[in-house]
Amino acid sequence: MTEATTTELRVGDVVSLGPRRMTRERMRWYCDALETAAERDGNFVVAEPTIHSDDDFALAQGLPGIIADGMLSTNYLSSLLYRHFGVDYLAGGELDTKFIRPVYEDEIIDAFAKVVGDEGGMVELEVWCETSEGRTCTVGRASVRRSAA
C-alpha cells in the first residue's frame, strides 16, 4: 500500500483511506436531513423508517438488520480521491460506483484506489470499498486530470 502524494502515484500503486467502522450514527446521517429555509424553515427532519434507519423495517424486508446507504462508501472513495488529488479531483475528477453488497452496522470498511493508467496528465483509477474480512461492497472507476502545477 502506498501513502504517496499525487505527484508520486504511479501505475500499479494502491492507496487506501484507512478502516472505518460503520456505526449506526454514521448510517443515520444519510437518512435525516436539514431542510432549507424555503422548504421548512431550516428544521432538522427525521426520515421515515427505511432499511437504512430502522431494524424492524429492515427485518421485514428480509435483511438481518439495517444497512448503510451506498452513498456512504461512495463518499469514502471521494474522500480518498480528494486526499490524493485535492483540487484537481474537485475541479474535474469523475467517480462512478456500483454497490454490490450491503454494508451492515459495525462492519469495518476501507476505501481503495489503484492507478491503472496515467497518460497526458489524466490519471485513471480502479476504486473499491471492502470490509475488514475482504468482502468487496462497492466497485467503480475514477479519473482525475493532474494540473500542470
Protein backbone atom coordinates (compact mmCIF):
# COMPACT_ATOMS: atom_id res chain seq x y z
CA MET A 1 0.00 0.00 0.00
CA THR A 2 1.35 3.42 -0.90
CA GLU A 3 0.80 6.62 1.06
CA ALA A 4 2.09 8.79 -1.74
CA THR A 5 1.23 12.29 -2.76
CA THR A 6 -0.48 12.77 -6.11
CA THR A 7 2.79 13.57 -7.90
CA GLU A 8 4.32 10.33 -6.62
CA LEU A 9 1.48 8.00 -7.61
CA ARG A 10 2.36 5.66 -10.46
CA VAL A 11 0.52 2.94 -12.40
CA GLY A 12 0.06 -0.04 -10.11
CA ASP A 13 0.10 1.96 -6.87
CA VAL A 14 -2.76 1.31 -4.45
CA VAL A 15 -3.79 3.85 -1.83
CA SER A 16 -6.29 3.50 1.00
CA LEU A 17 -8.37 5.83 3.15
CA GLY A 18 -8.00 3.70 6.26
CA PRO A 19 -10.54 1.48 8.02
CA ARG A 20 -13.75 3.00 9.38
CA ARG A 21 -16.44 1.34 11.46
CA MET A 22 -19.93 1.66 10.02
CA THR A 23 -21.67 2.99 13.09
CA ARG A 24 -25.41 3.46 13.48
CA GLU A 25 -24.80 7.19 13.82
CA ARG A 26 -22.89 7.35 10.50
CA MET A 27 -25.63 5.37 8.81
CA ARG A 28 -28.28 7.70 10.22
CA TRP A 29 -26.60 10.83 8.76
CA TYR A 30 -27.76 9.76 5.31
CA CYS A 31 -31.36 9.22 6.40
CA ASP A 32 -32.08 12.51 8.07
CA ALA A 33 -31.66 15.92 6.52
CA LEU A 34 -31.59 19.58 7.30
CA GLU A 35 -34.19 21.14 5.05
CA THR A 36 -33.56 24.55 3.55
CA ALA A 37 -35.40 27.59 4.84
CA ALA A 38 -37.55 27.63 1.72
CA GLU A 39 -38.72 24.08 2.38
CA ARG A 40 -39.35 24.08 6.12
CA ASP A 41 -37.57 26.91 7.93
CA GLY A 42 -34.28 25.01 8.12
CA ASN A 43 -35.60 22.41 10.56
CA PHE A 44 -33.88 19.08 11.00
CA VAL A 45 -36.16 16.40 9.58
CA VAL A 46 -36.08 12.77 10.70
CA ALA A 47 -36.78 10.45 7.79
CA GLU A 48 -39.49 7.80 7.75
CA PRO A 49 -38.30 4.28 8.67
CA THR A 50 -36.18 2.63 5.96
CA ILE A 51 -33.78 -0.29 5.62
CA HIS A 52 -31.06 2.25 6.48
CA SER A 53 -32.54 3.50 9.74
CA ASP A 54 -34.98 1.05 11.32
CA ASP A 55 -34.17 -2.51 12.39
CA ASP A 56 -37.79 -3.68 12.32
CA PHE A 57 -38.30 -2.27 8.84
CA ALA A 58 -35.06 -3.89 7.61
CA LEU A 59 -36.04 -7.25 9.14
CA ALA A 60 -39.46 -7.03 7.46
CA GLN A 61 -37.61 -6.65 4.13
CA GLY A 62 -35.62 -9.86 4.72
CA LEU A 63 -32.40 -8.21 5.92
CA PRO A 64 -30.62 -9.20 9.14
CA GLY A 65 -30.52 -5.55 10.26
CA ILE A 66 -30.10 -2.03 8.95
CA ILE A 67 -27.69 -1.45 6.07
CA ALA A 68 -25.64 1.59 5.15
CA ASP A 69 -26.74 3.77 2.28
CA GLY A 70 -24.47 3.13 -0.71
CA MET A 71 -23.53 6.80 -0.82
CA LEU A 72 -21.50 6.32 2.36
CA SER A 73 -18.99 4.09 0.59
CA THR A 74 -19.01 6.39 -2.44
CA ASN A 75 -18.23 9.31 -0.14
CA TYR A 76 -15.35 7.35 1.39
CA LEU A 77 -13.97 6.89 -2.13
CA SER A 78 -14.46 10.56 -2.88
CA SER A 79 -12.58 11.46 0.33
CA LEU A 80 -9.73 9.20 -0.73
CA LEU A 81 -9.52 10.88 -4.14
CA TYR A 82 -9.59 14.33 -2.56
CA ARG A 83 -6.83 13.31 -0.13
CA HIS A 84 -4.53 12.35 -3.01
CA PHE A 85 -5.59 14.75 -5.79
CA GLY A 86 -7.07 17.71 -3.90
CA VAL A 87 -8.47 20.49 -6.06
CA ASP A 88 -7.70 18.56 -9.26
CA TYR A 89 -10.29 15.97 -8.20
CA LEU A 90 -12.82 18.60 -7.12
CA ALA A 91 -12.41 20.71 -10.27
CA GLY A 92 -12.78 17.98 -12.83
CA GLY A 93 -12.49 14.50 -11.45
CA GLU A 94 -15.05 11.80 -12.15
CA LEU A 95 -16.21 8.95 -9.96
CA ASP A 96 -18.61 6.19 -10.98
CA THR A 97 -19.57 3.49 -8.47
CA LYS A 98 -21.75 0.42 -8.19
CA PHE A 99 -22.91 -1.08 -4.91
CA ILE A 100 -22.55 -4.86 -4.99
CA ARG A 101 -23.02 -5.92 -1.36
CA PRO A 102 -24.73 -4.38 1.67
CA VAL A 103 -22.67 -2.94 4.50
CA TYR A 104 -24.08 -3.74 7.91
CA GLU A 105 -23.85 -1.90 11.20
CA ASP A 106 -20.46 -2.28 12.92
CA GLU A 107 -18.71 -3.68 9.85
CA ILE A 108 -15.36 -2.08 9.19
CA ILE A 109 -14.79 -0.90 5.64
CA ASP A 110 -11.92 0.74 3.81
CA ALA A 111 -11.77 2.62 0.52
CA PHE A 112 -9.06 1.84 -2.06
CA ALA A 113 -7.87 3.27 -5.36
CA LYS A 114 -5.43 1.65 -7.78
CA VAL A 115 -3.78 3.68 -10.52
CA VAL A 116 -4.44 1.77 -13.76
CA GLY A 117 -3.47 4.47 -16.26
CA ASP A 118 -1.60 7.76 -16.41
CA GLU A 119 -1.28 9.40 -19.81
CA GLY A 120 -1.36 13.01 -20.90
CA GLY A 121 -1.99 14.19 -17.35
CA MET A 122 -5.12 12.02 -16.98
CA VAL A 123 -4.96 9.50 -14.14
CA GLU A 124 -7.33 6.53 -14.41
CA LEU A 125 -8.16 4.59 -11.28
CA GLU A 126 -9.97 1.42 -10.27
CA VAL A 127 -11.75 2.10 -6.97
CA TRP A 128 -13.46 -0.13 -4.43
CA CYS A 129 -14.53 -0.50 -0.80
CA GLU A 130 -14.18 -3.70 1.12
CA THR A 131 -14.84 -4.98 4.61
CA SER A 132 -12.11 -5.95 7.05
CA GLU A 133 -12.91 -9.56 6.06
CA GLY A 134 -12.02 -8.75 2.45
CA ARG A 135 -15.60 -8.71 1.07
CA THR A 136 -15.97 -6.11 -1.67
CA CYS A 137 -19.07 -3.94 -1.24
CA THR A 138 -18.57 -1.11 -3.77
CA VAL A 139 -16.66 -1.05 -7.06
CA GLY A 140 -16.02 1.59 -9.66
CA ARG A 141 -13.72 3.77 -11.70
CA ALA A 142 -12.42 7.28 -11.32
CA SER A 143 -10.38 9.70 -13.36
CA VAL A 144 -8.55 12.88 -12.45
CA ARG A 145 -6.68 15.34 -14.66
CA ARG A 146 -3.50 16.42 -12.92
CA SER A 147 -2.83 20.12 -13.04
CA ALA A 148 0.44 21.29 -14.53
CA ALA A 149 1.41 22.96 -11.27
